[in-house]
Amino acid sequence: MTRRDSVIRRNSPERLRKLGLPAWRADQVAKQTAWIASDAGQKAIRDTMARLADEVEVQENREQFCADIWIGVNIATMGCVQMRGRSGPRDPDLWDAEMKIRDAYKAVNKLCDVQEKCASKYRDFNYGSVKKPRTLQDCEGELRGMIAGFAVLNNNFFGPLPRSGPGSRDLAPNHLFEQFVVGLFSKIEQYGGKATFSHQNGTGTILEAVKLLSPFLPPDFIPKPIPSIRRAVIEKRRRDAIDKDFQAGG
């Protein structure tokens, strides 16, 4: 079996339906996968990646840049399939309990961060017992384990979930797209290209990059791009600030 046959088989409508995708969505993804794996699809990928490198003005290591961007497209596709496969009917009480436990974990995790900076403030935290959880870190670990258990029951991700807002019980619908755009920004900058975006004018190389890559992304993956790209820009700045602080501390 060739690699192309393996990719098509892995994304067959039957297998995608078993993962939880509706029949019409599974058919869409399977058809798109078959086209991407075809000779015409492969030529379209090469031509698109060359145009993308030109658009964002990547001059050196263009082949590696294109390869990294294509990896990002595949990761976005897999993440989209997994997220949509997990979006079926849920037990509302189990879901609500998991969200509350996740909120509690975030609150305790924040206290643990504060404790590292102000050791004396929460140093004596305990339940007055020799049994666990005795410390904030113990509580954090217990809550992490509870999240894992509820995630299995709810067919959910173990890691942090993208929430649509503070206190919301719903998932952010455009989270995967925004993370994809953050990755685009990072890769373009890594290879010396120009990653630009103007919210006021609705222009920039990032918008053009998204348009070029849209035929290879899952159906309905790209929302109204300007608000989502703006949030991705904010997230990129946040990550850059964290990285800068980390480098300064090292």
C-alpha atoms as a PDB file:
ATOM      1  CA  MET A   1       0.000   0.000   0.000  1.00  0.00           C
ATOM      2  CA  THR A   2       1.405   3.378  -1.022  1.00  0.00           C
ATOM      3  CA  ARG A   3       1.472   6.369   1.304  1.00  0.00           C
ATOM      4  CA  ARG A   4      -1.221   8.005  -0.844  1.00  0.00           C
ATOM      5  CA  ASP A   5      -3.497   4.958  -0.482  1.00  0.00           C
ATOM      6  CA  SER A   6      -2.848   4.940   3.267  1.00  0.00           C
ATOM      7  CA  VAL A   7      -3.875   8.605   3.603  1.00  0.00           C
ATOM      8  CA  ILE A   8      -7.068   8.044   1.621  1.00  0.00           C
ATOM      9  CA  ARG A   9      -7.933   4.932   3.636  1.00  0.00           C
ATOM     10  CA  ARG A  10      -7.264   6.746   6.927  1.00  0.00           C
ATOM     11  CA  ASN A  11      -9.719   9.444   5.870  1.00  0.00           C
ATOM     12  CA  SER A  12     -12.368   7.215   4.343  1.00  0.00           C
ATOM     13  CA  PRO A  13     -16.008   8.192   4.988  1.00  0.00           C
ATOM     14  CA  GLU A  14     -16.558   4.996   6.972  1.00  0.00           C
ATOM     15  CA  ARG A  15     -13.650   5.645   9.332  1.00  0.00           C
ATOM     16  CA  LEU A  16     -14.542   9.314   9.776  1.00  0.00           C
ATOM     17  CA  ARG A  17     -18.130   8.394  10.642  1.00  0.00           C
ATOM     18  CA  LYS A  18     -16.813   6.008  13.301  1.00  0.00           C
ATOM     19  CA  LEU A  19     -14.889   8.966  14.767  1.00  0.00           C
ATOM     20  CA  GLY A  20     -18.220  10.737  15.208  1.00  0.00           C
ATOM     21  CA  LEU A  21     -18.448  12.970  12.134  1.00  0.00           C
ATOM     22  CA  PRO A  22     -21.872  13.356  10.501  1.00  0.00           C
ATOM     23  CA  ALA A  23     -22.154  11.491   7.197  1.00  0.00           C
ATOM     24  CA  TRP A  24     -22.190  14.643   5.058  1.00  0.00           C
ATOM     25  CA  ARG A  25     -19.087  16.024   6.835  1.00  0.00           C
ATOM     26  CA  ALA A  26     -17.256  12.705   6.516  1.00  0.00           C
ATOM     27  CA  ASP A  27     -17.979  12.649   2.776  1.00  0.00           C
ATOM     28  CA  GLN A  28     -16.690  16.214   2.381  1.00  0.00           C
ATOM     29  CA  VAL A  29     -13.426  15.505   4.188  1.00  0.00           C
ATOM     30  CA  ALA A  30     -12.913  12.216   2.320  1.00  0.00           C
ATOM     31  CA  LYS A  31     -13.412  13.860  -1.093  1.00  0.00           C
ATOM     32  CA  GLN A  32     -11.052  16.696  -0.195  1.00  0.00           C
ATOM     33  CA  THR A  33      -8.429  14.216   1.031  1.00  0.00           C
ATOM     34  CA  ALA A  34      -8.671  12.185  -2.185  1.00  0.00           C
ATOM     35  CA  TRP A  35      -8.208  15.338  -4.287  1.00  0.00           C
ATOM     36  CA  ILE A  36      -5.196  16.480  -2.217  1.00  0.00           C
ATOM     37  CA  ALA A  37      -3.609  13.026  -2.658  1.00  0.00           C
ATOM     38  CA  SER A  38      -4.140  13.065  -6.447  1.00  0.00           C
ATOM     39  CA  ASP A  39      -1.558  14.275  -8.967  1.00  0.00           C
ATOM     40  CA  ALA A  40      -3.630  17.406  -9.602  1.00  0.00           C
ATOM     41  CA  GLY A  41      -3.882  18.068  -5.881  1.00  0.00           C
ATOM     42  CA  GLN A  42      -0.151  17.626  -5.348  1.00  0.00           C
ATOM     43  CA  LYS A  43       0.608  20.065  -8.172  1.00  0.00           C
ATOM     44  CA  ALA A  44      -1.843  22.554  -6.666  1.00  0.00           C
ATOM     45  CA  ILE A  45      -0.065  22.223  -3.306  1.00  0.00           C
ATOM     46  CA  ARG A  46       3.357  22.913  -4.833  1.00  0.00           C
ATOM     47  CA  ASP A  47       2.080  25.906  -6.797  1.00  0.00           C
ATOM     48  CA  THR A  48       0.217  27.306  -3.777  1.00  0.00           C
ATOM     49  CA  MET A  49       3.189  26.959  -1.453  1.00  0.00           C
ATOM     50  CA  ALA A  50       5.440  28.748  -3.962  1.00  0.00           C
ATOM     51  CA  ARG A  51       2.896  31.587  -4.228  1.00  0.00           C
ATOM     52  CA  LEU A  52       2.623  31.730  -0.441  1.00  0.00           C
ATOM     53  CA  ALA A  53       6.396  32.021  -0.025  1.00  0.00           C
ATOM     54  CA  ASP A  54       6.374  34.849  -2.586  1.00  0.00           C
ATOM     55  CA  GLU A  55       3.424  36.583  -0.909  1.00  0.00           C
ATOM     56  CA  VAL A  56       5.064  36.715   2.514  1.00  0.00           C
ATOM     57  CA  GLU A  57       8.519  37.375   1.032  1.00  0.00           C
ATOM     58  CA  VAL A  58      10.340  34.319   2.350  1.00  0.00           C
ATOM     59  CA  GLN A  59      13.690  34.308   0.516  1.00  0.00           C
ATOM     60  CA  GLU A  60      15.748  31.591   2.198  1.00  0.00           C
ATOM     61  CA  ASN A  61      14.967  27.979   3.117  1.00  0.00           C
ATOM     62  CA  ARG A  62      11.784  28.176   1.062  1.00  0.00           C
ATOM     63  CA  GLU A  63      11.381  24.411   0.748  1.00  0.00           C
ATOM     64  CA  GLN A  64      11.568  23.919   4.507  1.00  0.00           C
ATOM     65  CA  PHE A  65       9.199  26.841   5.052  1.00  0.00           C
ATOM     66  CA  CYS A  66       6.658  25.286   2.678  1.00  0.00           C
ATOM     67  CA  ALA A  67       7.055  21.895   4.375  1.00  0.00           C
ATOM     68  CA  ASP A  68       6.440  23.425   7.808  1.00  0.00           C
ATOM     69  CA  ILE A  69       3.355  25.286   6.597  1.00  0.00           C
ATOM     70  CA  TRP A  70       1.968  22.075   5.084  1.00  0.00           C
ATOM     71  CA  ILE A  71       2.528  20.278   8.389  1.00  0.00           C
ATOM     72  CA  GLY A  72       0.480  23.037  10.027  1.00  0.00           C
ATOM     73  CA  VAL A  73      -2.328  22.479   7.509  1.00  0.00           C
ATOM     74  CA  ASN A  74      -2.351  18.750   8.316  1.00  0.00           C
ATOM     75  CA  ILE A  75      -2.373  19.402  12.068  1.00  0.00           C
ATOM     76  CA  ALA A  76      -5.299  21.815  11.648  1.00  0.00           C
ATOM     77  CA  THR A  77      -7.183  19.220   9.598  1.00  0.00           C
ATOM     78  CA  MET A  78      -6.627  16.453  12.157  1.00  0.00           C
ATOM     79  CA  GLY A  79      -7.562  18.735  15.035  1.00  0.00           C
ATOM     80  CA  CYS A  80     -10.727  19.798  13.250  1.00  0.00           C
ATOM     81  CA  VAL A  81     -11.763  16.207  12.615  1.00  0.00           C
ATOM     82  CA  GLN A  82     -11.108  15.265  16.247  1.00  0.00           C
ATOM     83  CA  MET A  83     -12.916  18.296  17.670  1.00  0.00           C
ATOM     84  CA  ARG A  84     -15.963  17.828  15.445  1.00  0.00           C
ATOM     85  CA  GLY A  85     -15.953  14.121  16.155  1.00  0.00           C
ATOM     86  CA  ARG A  86     -16.250  14.926  19.843  1.00  0.00           C
ATOM     87  CA  SER A  87     -19.056  17.417  19.424  1.00  0.00           C
ATOM     88  CA  GLY A  88     -21.963  14.986  19.625  1.00  0.00           C
ATOM     89  CA  PRO A  89     -24.714  14.952  22.269  1.00  0.00           C
ATOM     90  CA  ARG A  90     -23.416  15.249  25.819  1.00  0.00           C
ATOM     91  CA  ASP A  91     -24.871  14.535  29.220  1.00  0.00           C
ATOM     92  CA  PRO A  92     -25.480  18.122  30.404  1.00  0.00           C
ATOM     93  CA  ASP A  93     -24.837  17.307  34.074  1.00  0.00           C
ATOM     94  CA  LEU A  94     -21.531  15.541  33.358  1.00  0.00           C
ATOM     95  CA  TRP A  95     -20.469  18.368  31.036  1.00  0.00           C
ATOM     96  CA  ASP A  96     -21.337  21.027  33.635  1.00  0.00           C
ATOM     97  CA  ALA A  97     -19.431  19.124  36.329  1.00  0.00           C
ATOM     98  CA  GLU A  98     -16.338  18.849  34.121  1.00  0.00           C
ATOM     99  CA  MET A  99     -16.405  22.579  33.315  1.00  0.00           C
ATOM    100  CA  LYS A 100     -16.678  23.455  37.018  1.00  0.00           C
ATOM    101  CA  ILE A 101     -13.762  21.167  37.882  1.00  0.00           C
ATOM    102  CA  ARG A 102     -11.721  22.756  35.096  1.00  0.00           C
ATOM    103  CA  ASP A 103     -12.541  26.203  36.508  1.00  0.00           C
ATOM    104  CA  ALA A 104     -11.444  25.054  39.962  1.00  0.00           C
ATOM    105  CA  TYR A 105      -8.197  23.683  38.503  1.00  0.00           C
ATOM    106  CA  LYS A 106      -7.456  27.011  36.800  1.00  0.00           C
ATOM    107  CA  ALA A 107      -8.060  28.882  40.063  1.00  0.00           C
ATOM    108  CA  VAL A 108      -5.785  26.577  42.082  1.00  0.00           C
ATOM    109  CA  ASN A 109      -3.163  26.593  39.323  1.00  0.00           C
ATOM    110  CA  LYS A 110      -3.134  30.389  39.509  1.00  0.00           C
ATOM    111  CA  LEU A 111      -2.620  30.217  43.287  1.00  0.00           C
ATOM    112  CA  CYS A 112       0.286  27.819  42.756  1.00  0.00           C
ATOM    113  CA  ASP A 113       1.898  30.347  40.416  1.00  0.00           C
ATOM    114  CA  VAL A 114       1.448  33.072  43.030  1.00  0.00           C
ATOM    115  CA  GLN A 115       2.843  30.773  45.704  1.00  0.00           C
ATOM    116  CA  GLU A 116       6.093  30.412  43.782  1.00  0.00           C
ATOM    117  CA  LYS A 117       6.497  34.205  43.725  1.00  0.00           C
ATOM    118  CA  CYS A 118       5.197  34.848  47.247  1.00  0.00           C
ATOM    119  CA  ALA A 119       6.146  31.693  49.092  1.00  0.00           C
ATOM    120  CA  SER A 120       5.044  32.884  52.516  1.00  0.00           C
ATOM    121  CA  LYS A 121       1.510  33.857  51.476  1.00  0.00           C
ATOM    122  CA  TYR A 122       0.175  30.316  51.010  1.00  0.00           C
ATOM    123  CA  ARG A 123       2.957  28.390  52.705  1.00  0.00           C
ATOM    124  CA  ASP A 124       0.774  27.128  55.536  1.00  0.00           C
ATOM    125  CA  PHE A 125      -2.159  26.053  53.358  1.00  0.00           C
ATOM    126  CA  ASN A 126      -3.428  22.662  54.556  1.00  0.00           C
ATOM    127  CA  TYR A 127      -6.569  20.800  55.556  1.00  0.00           C
ATOM    128  CA  GLY A 128      -5.306  20.203  59.084  1.00  0.00           C
ATOM    129  CA  SER A 129      -4.704  16.602  58.161  1.00  0.00           C
ATOM    130  CA  VAL A 130      -1.785  14.316  57.410  1.00  0.00           C
ATOM    131  CA  LYS A 131      -3.705  12.981  54.434  1.00  0.00           C
ATOM    132  CA  LYS A 132      -3.513  14.412  50.923  1.00  0.00           C
ATOM    133  CA  PRO A 133      -4.252  16.900  49.570  1.00  0.00           C
ATOM    134  CA  ARG A 134      -2.128  18.826  52.074  1.00  0.00           C
ATOM    135  CA  THR A 135      -0.723  21.540  49.803  1.00  0.00           C
ATOM    136  CA  LEU A 136      -1.967  23.620  46.912  1.00  0.00           C
ATOM    137  CA  GLN A 137       0.121  21.452  44.589  1.00  0.00           C
ATOM    138  CA  ASP A 138      -1.648  18.367  45.972  1.00  0.00           C
ATOM    139  CA  CYS A 139      -5.019  19.993  45.229  1.00  0.00           C
ATOM    140  CA  GLU A 140      -3.846  20.846  41.743  1.00  0.00           C
ATOM    141  CA  GLY A 141      -2.844  17.239  41.135  1.00  0.00           C
ATOM    142  CA  GLU A 142      -6.156  15.893  42.455  1.00  0.00           C
ATOM    143  CA  LEU A 143      -8.142  18.236  40.223  1.00  0.00           C
ATOM    144  CA  ARG A 144      -5.992  17.316  37.220  1.00  0.00           C
ATOM    145  CA  GLY A 145      -6.841  13.662  37.804  1.00  0.00           C
ATOM    146  CA  MET A 146     -10.562  14.484  38.079  1.00  0.00           C
ATOM    147  CA  ILE A 147     -10.408  16.371  34.777  1.00  0.00           C
ATOM    148  CA  ALA A 148      -8.912  13.296  33.110  1.00  0.00           C
ATOM    149  CA  GLY A 149     -11.722  11.116  34.469  1.00  0.00           C
ATOM    150  CA  PHE A 150     -14.519  13.429  33.378  1.00  0.00           C
ATOM    151  CA  ALA A 151     -12.854  13.966  29.992  1.00  0.00           C
ATOM    152  CA  VAL A 152     -13.113  10.217  29.354  1.00  0.00           C
ATOM    153  CA  LEU A 153     -16.790  10.208  30.337  1.00  0.00           C
ATOM    154  CA  ASN A 154     -17.513  13.226  28.114  1.00  0.00           C
ATOM    155  CA  ASN A 155     -15.333  12.000  25.217  1.00  0.00           C
ATOM    156  CA  ASN A 156     -13.325  15.190  25.616  1.00  0.00           C
ATOM    157  CA  PHE A 157      -9.715  16.362  25.404  1.00  0.00           C
ATOM    158  CA  PHE A 158      -7.588  16.001  28.533  1.00  0.00           C
ATOM    159  CA  GLY A 159      -5.799  19.297  27.924  1.00  0.00           C
ATOM    160  CA  PRO A 160      -7.142  22.836  28.296  1.00  0.00           C
ATOM    161  CA  LEU A 161     -10.322  23.437  26.335  1.00  0.00           C
ATOM    162  CA  PRO A 162     -10.897  26.571  24.271  1.00  0.00           C
ATOM    163  CA  ARG A 163     -13.793  28.348  26.006  1.00  0.00           C
ATOM    164  CA  SER A 164     -15.936  30.946  24.269  1.00  0.00           C
ATOM    165  CA  GLY A 165     -15.622  33.358  27.203  1.00  0.00           C
ATOM    166  CA  PRO A 166     -15.054  33.686  30.981  1.00  0.00           C
ATOM    167  CA  GLY A 167     -17.420  31.372  32.816  1.00  0.00           C
ATOM    168  CA  SER A 168     -18.815  29.966  29.572  1.00  0.00           C
ATOM    169  CA  ARG A 169     -19.734  26.296  29.314  1.00  0.00           C
ATOM    170  CA  ASP A 170     -19.415  26.373  25.520  1.00  0.00           C
ATOM    171  CA  LEU A 171     -16.308  25.807  23.413  1.00  0.00           C
ATOM    172  CA  ALA A 172     -14.908  28.645  21.329  1.00  0.00           C
ATOM    173  CA  PRO A 173     -16.002  27.799  17.780  1.00  0.00           C
ATOM    174  CA  ASN A 174     -13.005  29.407  16.042  1.00  0.00           C
ATOM    175  CA  HIS A 175     -10.259  28.272  18.405  1.00  0.00           C
ATOM    176  CA  LEU A 176      -8.600  25.880  15.935  1.00  0.00           C
ATOM    177  CA  PHE A 177      -8.547  28.497  13.193  1.00  0.00           C
ATOM    178  CA  GLU A 178      -7.035  31.083  15.534  1.00  0.00           C
ATOM    179  CA  GLN A 179      -4.327  28.667  16.648  1.00  0.00           C
ATOM    180  CA  PHE A 180      -3.615  27.905  12.982  1.00  0.00           C
ATOM    181  CA  VAL A 181      -3.176  31.634  12.279  1.00  0.00           C
ATOM    182  CA  VAL A 182      -0.870  32.005  15.299  1.00  0.00           C
ATOM    183  CA  GLY A 183       1.234  29.215  13.792  1.00  0.00           C
ATOM    184  CA  LEU A 184       1.283  31.019  10.422  1.00  0.00           C
ATOM    185  CA  PHE A 185       2.540  34.194  12.063  1.00  0.00           C
ATOM    186  CA  SER A 186       5.270  32.289  13.902  1.00  0.00           C
ATOM    187  CA  LYS A 187       6.489  30.328  10.861  1.00  0.00           C
ATOM    188  CA  ILE A 188       6.529  33.342   8.566  1.00  0.00           C
ATOM    189  CA  GLU A 189       8.551  35.332  11.088  1.00  0.00           C
ATOM    190  CA  GLN A 190      10.841  32.370  11.780  1.00  0.00           C
ATOM    191  CA  TYR A 191      11.822  32.211   8.111  1.00  0.00           C
ATOM    192  CA  GLY A 192      12.328  35.963   7.765  1.00  0.00           C
ATOM    193  CA  GLY A 193       9.082  36.714   5.938  1.00  0.00           C
ATOM    194  CA  LYS A 194       6.558  39.508   6.391  1.00  0.00           C
ATOM    195  CA  ALA A 195       3.531  38.624   8.520  1.00  0.00           C
ATOM    196  CA  THR A 196       1.224  41.649   8.473  1.00  0.00           C
ATOM    197  CA  PHE A 197      -2.390  42.363   9.361  1.00  0.00           C
ATOM    198  CA  SER A 198      -4.409  45.586   9.585  1.00  0.00           C
ATOM    199  CA  HIS A 199      -7.711  45.324  11.416  1.00  0.00           C
ATOM    200  CA  GLN A 200      -8.726  48.794  10.261  1.00  0.00           C
ATOM    201  CA  ASN A 201      -8.208  48.121   6.557  1.00  0.00           C
ATOM    202  CA  GLY A 202      -8.822  44.363   6.530  1.00  0.00           C
ATOM    203  CA  THR A 203      -5.584  43.785   4.660  1.00  0.00           C
ATOM    204  CA  GLY A 204      -2.270  42.025   5.198  1.00  0.00           C
ATOM    205  CA  THR A 205      -0.154  39.094   4.139  1.00  0.00           C
ATOM    206  CA  ILE A 206      -1.820  36.834   6.737  1.00  0.00           C
ATOM    207  CA  LEU A 207      -5.221  37.292   5.055  1.00  0.00           C
ATOM    208  CA  GLU A 208      -3.688  36.460   1.685  1.00  0.00           C
ATOM    209  CA  ALA A 209      -1.990  33.392   3.169  1.00  0.00           C
ATOM    210  CA  VAL A 210      -5.304  32.155   4.593  1.00  0.00           C
ATOM    211  CA  LYS A 211      -6.999  32.641   1.206  1.00  0.00           C
ATOM    212  CA  LEU A 212      -4.251  30.702  -0.561  1.00  0.00           C
ATOM    213  CA  LEU A 213      -4.442  27.785   1.891  1.00  0.00           C
ATOM    214  CA  SER A 214      -8.246  27.654   2.130  1.00  0.00           C
ATOM    215  CA  PRO A 215      -8.720  24.907  -0.539  1.00  0.00           C
ATOM    216  CA  PHE A 216      -6.605  22.537   1.565  1.00  0.00           C
ATOM    217  CA  LEU A 217      -8.310  23.188   4.904  1.00  0.00           C
ATOM    218  CA  PRO A 218     -11.455  21.418   6.162  1.00  0.00           C
ATOM    219  CA  PRO A 219     -14.841  22.707   4.964  1.00  0.00           C
ATOM    220  CA  ASP A 220     -16.150  25.535   7.159  1.00  0.00           C
ATOM    221  CA  PHE A 221     -12.777  25.740   8.942  1.00  0.00           C
ATOM    222  CA  ILE A 222     -12.290  29.402   8.074  1.00  0.00           C
ATOM    223  CA  PRO A 223     -14.802  31.703   9.833  1.00  0.00           C
ATOM    224  CA  LYS A 224     -15.236  35.405   9.173  1.00  0.00           C
ATOM    225  CA  PRO A 225     -11.505  35.929   9.259  1.00  0.00           C
ATOM    226  CA  ILE A 226     -10.951  39.484  10.501  1.00  0.00           C
ATOM    227  CA  PRO A 227     -12.216  39.092  14.135  1.00  0.00           C
ATOM    228  CA  SER A 228     -10.560  35.690  14.439  1.00  0.00           C
ATOM    229  CA  ILE A 229      -7.270  36.934  12.979  1.00  0.00           C
ATOM    230  CA  ARG A 230      -7.369  39.883  15.383  1.00  0.00           C
ATOM    231  CA  ARG A 231      -7.700  37.462  18.312  1.00  0.00           C
ATOM    232  CA  ALA A 232      -4.846  35.399  16.850  1.00  0.00           C
ATOM    233  CA  VAL A 233      -2.672  38.531  16.725  1.00  0.00           C
ATOM    234  CA  ILE A 234      -3.399  39.170  20.414  1.00  0.00           C
ATOM    235  CA  GLU A 235      -2.554  35.545  21.252  1.00  0.00           C
ATOM    236  CA  LYS A 236       0.683  35.770  19.257  1.00  0.00           C
ATOM    237  CA  ARG A 237       1.716  38.900  21.192  1.00  0.00           C
ATOM    238  CA  ARG A 238       0.892  37.166  24.473  1.00  0.00           C
ATOM    239  CA  ARG A 239       3.079  34.182  23.556  1.00  0.00           C
ATOM    240  CA  ASP A 240       5.896  36.472  22.410  1.00  0.00           C
ATOM    241  CA  ALA A 241       5.782  38.302  25.756  1.00  0.00           C
ATOM    242  CA  ILE A 242       5.954  34.997  27.670  1.00  0.00           C
ATOM    243  CA  ASP A 243       8.876  33.857  25.520  1.00  0.00           C
ATOM    244  CA  LYS A 244      10.656  37.169  26.081  1.00  0.00           C
ATOM    245  CA  ASP A 245      10.225  36.889  29.852  1.00  0.00           C
ATOM    246  CA  PHE A 246      11.464  33.305  29.750  1.00  0.00           C
ATOM    247  CA  GLN A 247      14.553  34.282  27.745  1.00  0.00           C
ATOM    248  CA  ALA A 248      15.247  37.167  30.113  1.00  0.00           C
ATOM    249  CA  GLY A 249      14.937  34.865  33.122  1.00  0.00           C
ATOM    250  CA  GLY A 250      17.257  32.282  31.554  1.00  0.00           C
END
